[in-house]
Amino acid sequence: MFDNVVKSQTLQVDVINGATLTSKVHLKALENALKQAQMD
């Protein structure tokens, strides 16, 4: 999933089937990290 985010340069990627909630949490954490990096 993270490789897809990097390759596509977007957080709008397919989540892992059967782990939708976990995948969304990981994407949100990645989004927050990117926002924090932009502030620094």
N, C-alpha and C. Protein backbone atom coordinates (compact mmCIF):
# COMPACT_ATOMS: atom_id res chain seq x y z
N MET A 1 0.82 -1.18 0.00
CA MET A 1 0.00 0.00 0.00
C MET A 1 0.88 1.25 0.00
N PHE A 2 1.91 1.29 0.85
CA PHE A 2 2.75 2.48 0.91
C PHE A 2 3.52 2.70 -0.40
N ASP A 3 3.92 1.61 -1.03
CA ASP A 3 4.58 1.74 -2.33
C ASP A 3 3.65 2.38 -3.35
N ASN A 4 2.37 2.02 -3.30
CA ASN A 4 1.40 2.62 -4.22
C ASN A 4 1.24 4.11 -3.97
N VAL A 5 1.28 4.52 -2.71
CA VAL A 5 1.18 5.95 -2.37
C VAL A 5 2.36 6.69 -2.96
N VAL A 6 3.54 6.14 -2.79
CA VAL A 6 4.74 6.79 -3.30
C VAL A 6 4.72 6.85 -4.83
N LYS A 7 4.38 5.74 -5.46
CA LYS A 7 4.36 5.69 -6.93
C LYS A 7 3.34 6.65 -7.52
N SER A 8 2.15 6.70 -6.90
CA SER A 8 1.08 7.52 -7.46
C SER A 8 1.10 8.95 -6.94
N GLN A 9 1.91 9.21 -5.91
CA GLN A 9 2.01 10.54 -5.30
C GLN A 9 0.66 11.05 -4.82
N THR A 10 -0.16 10.14 -4.30
CA THR A 10 -1.46 10.51 -3.75
C THR A 10 -1.84 9.51 -2.66
N LEU A 11 -2.69 9.96 -1.75
CA LEU A 11 -3.20 9.07 -0.70
C LEU A 11 -4.45 8.33 -1.17
N GLN A 12 -4.89 8.62 -2.39
CA GLN A 12 -6.08 7.98 -2.94
C GLN A 12 -5.70 6.67 -3.62
N VAL A 13 -5.41 5.67 -2.83
CA VAL A 13 -5.02 4.36 -3.36
C VAL A 13 -5.99 3.31 -2.82
N ASP A 14 -6.00 2.15 -3.47
CA ASP A 14 -6.84 1.05 -3.01
C ASP A 14 -6.33 0.56 -1.66
N VAL A 15 -7.27 0.25 -0.78
CA VAL A 15 -6.90 -0.28 0.52
C VAL A 15 -6.85 -1.80 0.45
N ILE A 16 -6.29 -2.40 1.47
CA ILE A 16 -6.14 -3.85 1.52
C ILE A 16 -7.49 -4.47 1.83
N ASN A 17 -7.92 -5.38 0.99
CA ASN A 17 -9.21 -6.04 1.18
C ASN A 17 -9.21 -6.79 2.51
N GLY A 18 -10.26 -6.59 3.30
CA GLY A 18 -10.38 -7.25 4.59
C GLY A 18 -9.70 -6.49 5.72
N ALA A 19 -8.98 -5.44 5.38
CA ALA A 19 -8.31 -4.63 6.39
C ALA A 19 -8.56 -3.16 6.13
N THR A 20 -9.76 -2.85 5.74
CA THR A 20 -10.09 -1.48 5.33
C THR A 20 -9.82 -0.48 6.44
N LEU A 21 -10.27 -0.77 7.66
CA LEU A 21 -10.09 0.17 8.76
C LEU A 21 -8.61 0.37 9.04
N THR A 22 -7.85 -0.70 9.12
CA THR A 22 -6.41 -0.60 9.37
C THR A 22 -5.73 0.17 8.25
N SER A 23 -6.10 -0.11 7.03
CA SER A 23 -5.49 0.59 5.89
C SER A 23 -5.78 2.08 5.96
N LYS A 24 -7.00 2.44 6.29
CA LYS A 24 -7.36 3.86 6.38
C LYS A 24 -6.60 4.55 7.51
N VAL A 25 -6.39 3.84 8.61
CA VAL A 25 -5.61 4.41 9.71
C VAL A 25 -4.17 4.65 9.27
N HIS A 26 -3.59 3.70 8.54
CA HIS A 26 -2.23 3.87 8.05
C HIS A 26 -2.14 5.04 7.09
N LEU A 27 -3.13 5.18 6.21
CA LEU A 27 -3.13 6.31 5.27
C LEU A 27 -3.27 7.64 6.00
N LYS A 28 -4.09 7.67 7.05
CA LYS A 28 -4.25 8.90 7.83
C LYS A 28 -2.95 9.26 8.54
N ALA A 29 -2.26 8.26 9.07
CA ALA A 29 -0.98 8.50 9.73
C ALA A 29 0.04 9.04 8.72
N LEU A 30 0.04 8.48 7.54
CA LEU A 30 0.94 8.96 6.49
C LEU A 30 0.60 10.39 6.10
N GLU A 31 -0.68 10.68 5.99
CA GLU A 31 -1.12 12.04 5.67
C GLU A 31 -0.65 13.02 6.74
N ASN A 32 -0.81 12.65 8.00
CA ASN A 32 -0.38 13.52 9.10
C ASN A 32 1.13 13.72 9.09
N ALA A 33 1.88 12.68 8.78
CA ALA A 33 3.34 12.80 8.71
C ALA A 33 3.75 13.74 7.59
N LEU A 34 3.08 13.64 6.44
CA LEU A 34 3.40 14.54 5.32
C LEU A 34 3.07 15.98 5.66
N LYS A 35 1.95 16.20 6.33
CA LYS A 35 1.59 17.58 6.74
C LYS A 35 2.62 18.13 7.71
N GLN A 36 3.06 17.30 8.65
CA GLN A 36 4.05 17.72 9.63
C GLN A 36 5.37 18.04 8.94
N ALA A 37 5.75 17.25 7.98
CA ALA A 37 6.99 17.47 7.25
C ALA A 37 6.96 18.80 6.49
N GLN A 38 5.78 19.16 5.99
CA GLN A 38 5.65 20.43 5.26
C GLN A 38 5.80 21.62 6.19
N MET A 39 5.41 21.45 7.45
CA MET A 39 5.50 22.54 8.44
C MET A 39 6.94 22.76 8.91
N ASP A 40 7.73 21.70 8.91
CA ASP A 40 9.10 21.79 9.41
C ASP A 40 10.04 22.49 8.46
